[in-house]
N, C-alpha and C. Protein backbone atom coordinates (compact mmCIF):
# COMPACT_ATOMS: atom_id res chain seq x y z
N MET A 1 12.80 0.36 -2.17
CA MET A 1 11.79 -0.41 -1.30
C MET A 1 10.47 0.61 -1.14
N HIS A 2 9.59 0.02 -1.03
CA HIS A 2 8.04 0.83 -0.80
C HIS A 2 7.53 0.40 0.73
N SER A 3 7.12 1.20 1.25
CA SER A 3 6.56 1.02 2.45
C SER A 3 5.12 1.39 2.68
N THR A 4 4.14 0.92 3.63
CA THR A 4 3.00 1.18 3.86
C THR A 4 2.79 1.18 5.16
N LEU A 5 1.83 2.23 5.84
CA LEU A 5 1.50 2.01 7.19
C LEU A 5 -0.13 1.94 7.40
N ILE A 6 -0.45 0.86 8.04
CA ILE A 6 -1.98 1.01 8.28
C ILE A 6 -2.06 1.44 9.93
N VAL A 7 -3.03 2.19 9.96
CA VAL A 7 -3.43 2.82 11.14
C VAL A 7 -4.90 2.23 11.57
N ALA A 8 -5.08 1.47 12.65
CA ALA A 8 -6.20 1.05 13.18
C ALA A 8 -6.30 0.97 14.61
N ARG A 9 -7.78 0.63 15.13
CA ARG A 9 -7.47 0.50 16.74
C ARG A 9 -7.36 -1.04 17.13
N MET A 10 -6.79 -0.95 18.39
CA MET A 10 -6.28 -2.64 18.89
C MET A 10 -6.97 -2.76 20.37
N GLU A 11 -7.48 -3.79 20.60
CA GLU A 11 -7.97 -4.01 21.78
C GLU A 11 -6.98 -3.95 22.62
N PRO A 12 -7.01 -3.42 24.12
CA PRO A 12 -6.10 -3.29 24.95
C PRO A 12 -5.59 -4.78 25.56
N GLY A 13 -4.46 -5.15 25.52
CA GLY A 13 -4.06 -6.55 26.10
C GLY A 13 -3.87 -7.15 24.81
N SER A 14 -3.90 -6.94 23.61
CA SER A 14 -3.98 -7.80 22.63
C SER A 14 -2.54 -7.69 21.50
N ALA A 15 -1.50 -7.31 22.08
CA ALA A 15 -0.53 -7.05 21.36
C ALA A 15 0.23 -8.40 21.41
N ALA A 16 0.52 -9.39 22.25
CA ALA A 16 0.94 -10.84 22.19
C ALA A 16 0.08 -11.53 21.33
N ASP A 17 -1.31 -11.58 21.37
CA ASP A 17 -2.03 -12.38 20.37
C ASP A 17 -1.61 -12.00 19.06
N VAL A 18 -1.70 -10.69 18.66
CA VAL A 18 -1.48 -10.20 17.53
C VAL A 18 -0.27 -10.47 16.95
N ALA A 19 0.86 -10.48 17.85
CA ALA A 19 2.04 -10.73 17.13
C ALA A 19 2.08 -12.36 17.08
N LYS A 20 1.81 -13.20 17.67
CA LYS A 20 1.51 -14.38 17.66
C LYS A 20 1.18 -14.80 16.38
N LEU A 21 -0.18 -14.36 15.70
CA LEU A 21 -0.74 -14.45 14.61
C LEU A 21 0.14 -14.10 13.48
N PHE A 22 0.74 -13.07 13.57
CA PHE A 22 1.60 -12.44 12.59
C PHE A 22 2.88 -13.46 12.38
N GLY A 23 3.43 -13.93 13.53
CA GLY A 23 4.44 -14.84 13.59
C GLY A 23 4.49 -15.95 12.69
N ALA A 24 3.19 -16.72 13.06
CA ALA A 24 2.93 -17.79 12.35
C ALA A 24 2.52 -17.59 10.91
N PHE A 25 2.20 -16.40 10.47
CA PHE A 25 1.77 -16.14 9.04
C PHE A 25 3.14 -15.63 8.43
N ASP A 26 3.81 -14.94 8.94
CA ASP A 26 5.28 -14.72 8.52
C ASP A 26 6.38 -15.92 8.38
N GLU A 27 6.06 -16.74 9.05
CA GLU A 27 6.93 -18.17 8.76
C GLU A 27 6.29 -18.99 7.81
N SER A 28 5.36 -18.59 6.94
CA SER A 28 4.62 -19.17 5.87
C SER A 28 5.30 -18.63 4.62
N GLU A 29 5.06 -18.94 3.28
CA GLU A 29 5.34 -18.36 2.14
C GLU A 29 4.83 -17.20 1.61
N MET A 30 3.69 -16.64 2.52
CA MET A 30 2.99 -15.46 2.09
C MET A 30 3.72 -14.25 2.12
N PRO A 31 4.52 -13.85 2.94
CA PRO A 31 5.32 -12.87 2.98
C PRO A 31 6.22 -12.32 1.48
N HIS A 32 6.72 -13.91 1.20
CA HIS A 32 7.12 -13.87 -0.07
C HIS A 32 6.55 -13.67 -1.24
N LEU A 33 5.15 -14.20 -1.44
CA LEU A 33 4.26 -14.13 -2.23
C LEU A 33 3.81 -12.73 -2.22
N MET A 34 3.65 -11.84 -1.21
CA MET A 34 3.26 -10.71 -1.38
C MET A 34 4.48 -9.56 -1.68
N GLY A 35 5.48 -9.94 -1.53
CA GLY A 35 6.76 -9.12 -1.52
C GLY A 35 7.37 -8.52 -0.49
N THR A 36 6.76 -9.19 0.89
CA THR A 36 7.06 -8.16 2.12
C THR A 36 8.60 -8.76 2.28
N ARG A 37 9.32 -7.47 2.63
CA ARG A 37 10.61 -7.81 3.14
C ARG A 37 10.65 -7.75 4.68
N ARG A 38 9.88 -6.68 5.08
CA ARG A 38 9.92 -6.55 6.73
C ARG A 38 8.47 -6.05 7.02
N ARG A 39 8.03 -6.43 8.04
CA ARG A 39 6.76 -6.12 9.17
C ARG A 39 7.19 -5.70 10.17
N GLN A 40 6.57 -4.44 10.66
CA GLN A 40 6.98 -3.96 12.18
C GLN A 40 5.39 -3.54 12.64
N LEU A 41 5.22 -3.91 13.75
CA LEU A 41 4.10 -3.76 14.34
C LEU A 41 4.23 -2.87 15.88
N PHE A 42 3.38 -1.89 15.98
CA PHE A 42 3.52 -1.14 16.81
C PHE A 42 2.10 -0.70 17.70
N HIS A 43 1.96 -0.27 18.85
CA HIS A 43 0.66 0.17 19.38
C HIS A 43 0.98 1.22 20.33
N TYR A 44 -0.10 2.15 20.46
CA TYR A 44 0.37 3.37 21.45
C TYR A 44 -1.16 3.94 21.77
N ARG A 45 -1.49 3.91 22.90
CA ARG A 45 -2.99 4.38 23.42
C ARG A 45 -3.94 3.75 22.70
N GLY A 46 -4.08 2.45 22.41
CA GLY A 46 -5.42 2.00 21.72
C GLY A 46 -5.04 2.04 20.23
N LEU A 47 -4.21 2.58 19.52
CA LEU A 47 -3.92 2.48 18.30
C LEU A 47 -3.17 1.43 17.81
N TYR A 48 -2.85 1.10 16.68
CA TYR A 48 -2.21 -0.06 16.15
C TYR A 48 -1.67 0.34 14.77
N PHE A 49 -0.46 0.35 14.74
CA PHE A 49 0.46 0.76 13.34
C PHE A 49 1.06 -0.56 12.80
N HIS A 50 0.61 -0.60 11.68
CA HIS A 50 1.43 -1.88 11.00
C HIS A 50 2.29 -1.33 9.69
N LEU A 51 3.39 -1.55 10.04
CA LEU A 51 4.26 -0.78 8.89
C LEU A 51 4.98 -2.12 8.29
N GLN A 52 4.72 -2.03 6.88
CA GLN A 52 5.17 -3.19 6.05
C GLN A 52 6.02 -2.55 5.02
N ASP A 53 7.22 -3.23 4.66
CA ASP A 53 8.01 -2.74 3.64
C ASP A 53 8.08 -3.83 2.65
N PHE A 54 8.19 -3.20 1.42
CA PHE A 54 8.19 -4.32 0.11
C PHE A 54 9.51 -4.05 -0.65
N ASP A 55 9.64 -5.18 -1.54
CA ASP A 55 10.96 -5.02 -2.22
C ASP A 55 10.85 -4.09 -3.27
N ALA A 56 9.46 -3.73 -3.95
CA ALA A 56 9.15 -2.66 -4.85
C ALA A 56 7.99 -2.14 -4.79
N ASP A 57 7.43 -1.24 -5.76
CA ASP A 57 6.35 -0.59 -5.54
C ASP A 57 5.05 -1.27 -5.86
N ASN A 58 5.39 -2.45 -6.30
CA ASN A 58 4.38 -3.26 -6.70
C ASN A 58 3.62 -4.11 -5.43
N GLY A 59 4.03 -3.72 -4.10
CA GLY A 59 3.52 -4.30 -3.13
C GLY A 59 1.59 -4.51 -3.06
N GLY A 60 1.30 -3.42 -3.27
CA GLY A 60 -0.02 -3.34 -3.44
C GLY A 60 -0.97 -4.13 -4.43
N GLU A 61 -0.36 -4.48 -5.45
CA GLU A 61 -0.56 -5.34 -6.55
C GLU A 61 -0.50 -6.70 -6.13
N LEU A 62 0.48 -7.11 -5.28
CA LEU A 62 0.94 -8.51 -4.97
C LEU A 62 -0.15 -8.91 -3.84
N ILE A 63 -0.54 -7.77 -2.70
CA ILE A 63 -1.20 -8.10 -1.85
C ILE A 63 -2.78 -8.53 -2.38
N GLU A 64 -3.00 -7.56 -3.43
CA GLU A 64 -4.64 -7.77 -4.01
C GLU A 64 -4.57 -9.31 -4.61
N LYS A 65 -3.45 -9.70 -4.89
CA LYS A 65 -3.50 -11.09 -5.48
C LYS A 65 -3.77 -12.05 -4.46
N ALA A 66 -2.81 -11.68 -3.36
CA ALA A 66 -2.63 -12.77 -2.38
C ALA A 66 -4.11 -12.86 -1.28
N LYS A 67 -5.09 -11.81 -1.49
CA LYS A 67 -6.48 -11.85 -0.35
C LYS A 67 -7.07 -12.93 -0.82
N SER A 68 -6.96 -13.74 -1.80
CA SER A 68 -7.83 -14.74 -2.03
C SER A 68 -7.16 -15.96 -1.46
N ASP A 69 -6.03 -16.12 -1.09
CA ASP A 69 -5.24 -16.94 -0.50
C ASP A 69 -5.90 -17.51 0.93
N GLU A 70 -6.32 -18.61 1.25
CA GLU A 70 -6.65 -19.23 2.67
C GLU A 70 -6.03 -18.70 3.54
N ARG A 71 -4.75 -18.58 3.77
CA ARG A 71 -4.01 -18.18 5.07
C ARG A 71 -4.28 -16.32 4.82
N PHE A 72 -4.28 -15.85 3.99
CA PHE A 72 -4.76 -14.35 3.87
C PHE A 72 -5.94 -14.19 4.64
N VAL A 73 -6.93 -14.83 4.22
CA VAL A 73 -8.38 -14.85 4.51
C VAL A 73 -8.41 -15.20 6.03
N ARG A 74 -7.63 -16.21 6.60
CA ARG A 74 -7.56 -16.64 7.85
C ARG A 74 -7.03 -15.54 8.87
N ILE A 75 -5.88 -15.20 8.29
CA ILE A 75 -5.37 -14.04 9.46
C ILE A 75 -6.16 -12.98 9.55
N SER A 76 -7.01 -12.46 8.25
CA SER A 76 -7.74 -11.38 8.67
C SER A 76 -8.70 -11.54 9.52
N GLU A 77 -9.44 -12.87 9.38
CA GLU A 77 -10.71 -13.32 10.19
C GLU A 77 -9.83 -13.17 11.73
N ASP A 78 -8.57 -13.88 12.05
CA ASP A 78 -8.24 -14.23 13.40
C ASP A 78 -7.97 -12.88 13.86
N LEU A 79 -7.61 -11.88 13.05
CA LEU A 79 -7.20 -10.60 13.62
C LEU A 79 -8.44 -9.66 14.22
N LYS A 80 -9.58 -10.12 13.55
CA LYS A 80 -10.92 -9.13 14.13
C LYS A 80 -10.93 -9.15 15.28
N PRO A 81 -10.91 -9.95 16.26
CA PRO A 81 -11.28 -9.50 17.62
C PRO A 81 -10.42 -8.63 18.42
N HIS A 82 -9.23 -8.38 17.70
CA HIS A 82 -8.00 -7.61 18.04
C HIS A 82 -7.98 -6.50 17.41
N ILE A 83 -8.24 -6.18 16.16
CA ILE A 83 -7.92 -5.27 15.53
C ILE A 83 -9.37 -4.79 14.98
N GLN A 84 -9.68 -3.45 14.99
CA GLN A 84 -10.81 -3.01 14.33
C GLN A 84 -10.22 -1.83 13.41
N ALA A 85 -11.05 -1.30 12.66
CA ALA A 85 -10.84 -0.03 11.69
C ALA A 85 -10.80 1.25 12.30
N TYR A 86 -9.95 2.00 12.11
CA TYR A 86 -9.84 3.31 12.95
C TYR A 86 -11.19 4.19 12.78
N ASP A 87 -11.65 4.05 11.21
CA ASP A 87 -12.93 4.82 11.00
C ASP A 87 -13.84 3.72 10.45
N PRO A 88 -14.48 3.27 11.29
CA PRO A 88 -15.67 1.96 10.52
C PRO A 88 -16.47 2.48 9.42
N ALA A 89 -16.79 3.69 9.59
CA ALA A 89 -17.78 4.46 8.49
C ALA A 89 -17.18 4.51 7.37
N THR A 90 -15.80 4.74 7.14
CA THR A 90 -15.55 4.86 5.93
C THR A 90 -14.48 3.67 5.46
N TRP A 91 -14.15 2.54 6.25
CA TRP A 91 -13.27 1.14 5.88
C TRP A 91 -14.06 0.45 4.97
N ARG A 92 -13.66 0.13 3.73
CA ARG A 92 -13.90 -0.80 2.86
C ARG A 92 -12.59 -1.96 2.51
N SER A 93 -11.47 -1.35 2.58
CA SER A 93 -10.50 -2.39 2.74
C SER A 93 -9.18 -1.64 3.44
N PRO A 94 -7.93 -2.66 3.47
CA PRO A 94 -6.98 -1.94 4.21
C PRO A 94 -6.53 -0.71 3.57
N ALA A 95 -6.66 -0.61 2.39
CA ALA A 95 -6.28 1.05 1.76
C ALA A 95 -6.90 2.07 2.08
N ASP A 96 -8.18 1.80 2.98
CA ASP A 96 -8.83 2.82 3.62
C ASP A 96 -8.18 3.23 4.95
N ALA A 97 -7.39 2.40 5.47
CA ALA A 97 -6.89 2.66 6.60
C ALA A 97 -5.25 3.14 6.50
N MET A 98 -4.54 3.15 5.42
CA MET A 98 -3.15 3.47 5.03
C MET A 98 -3.01 5.13 5.22
N ALA A 99 -1.75 5.45 5.99
CA ALA A 99 -1.53 6.70 6.31
C ALA A 99 -0.59 7.23 5.06
N THR A 100 -0.73 8.46 4.63
CA THR A 100 -0.13 8.85 3.48
C THR A 100 1.29 9.62 4.01
N ARG A 101 2.35 9.09 3.40
CA ARG A 101 3.51 9.68 3.94
C ARG A 101 3.74 11.14 3.28
N PHE A 102 4.14 11.95 4.25
CA PHE A 102 4.33 13.18 3.66
C PHE A 102 5.84 13.84 3.94
N TYR A 103 6.58 12.97 4.20
CA TYR A 103 8.09 13.51 4.33
C TYR A 103 8.79 12.24 4.59
N SER A 104 9.95 12.26 3.87
CA SER A 104 10.92 11.18 4.12
C SER A 104 12.32 11.72 3.86
N TRP A 105 13.21 10.93 4.77
CA TRP A 105 14.73 11.25 4.93
C TRP A 105 15.56 10.13 4.88
N GLU A 106 16.63 9.96 4.29
CA GLU A 106 17.57 8.81 4.48
C GLU A 106 19.04 9.14 4.52
N ALA A 107 19.59 8.51 5.41
CA ALA A 107 21.21 8.89 5.27
C ALA A 107 21.78 8.58 4.31
N SER A 108 22.90 9.30 3.75
CA SER A 108 23.70 8.93 2.77
C SER A 108 24.68 7.91 3.37
N ARG A 109 24.96 7.18 2.15
CA ARG A 109 25.72 5.99 2.65
C ARG A 109 27.25 6.26 2.25
């Protein structure tokens, strides 16, 4: 499984609206098209964390393909009032907001 973590800023009080937007998005076939296995959203003191797990390392490639889908375009637009880039000066795409993993551990089964 491959994971990505996007960090951004979120308007106070927007958690329910953002959850509703992703709830509708995740009920569509879009997660399947992107290879998404799990999505988790977190907020902390004005920050937004979007953890997404993919079936394989090609999640980024599948998202690139999905970007032109009208549902992807629509949710991106619908999120704009709620989510802003962490650093607008350097943001060009979601890849510019992805945290870098520097440690990982899993329990042995």
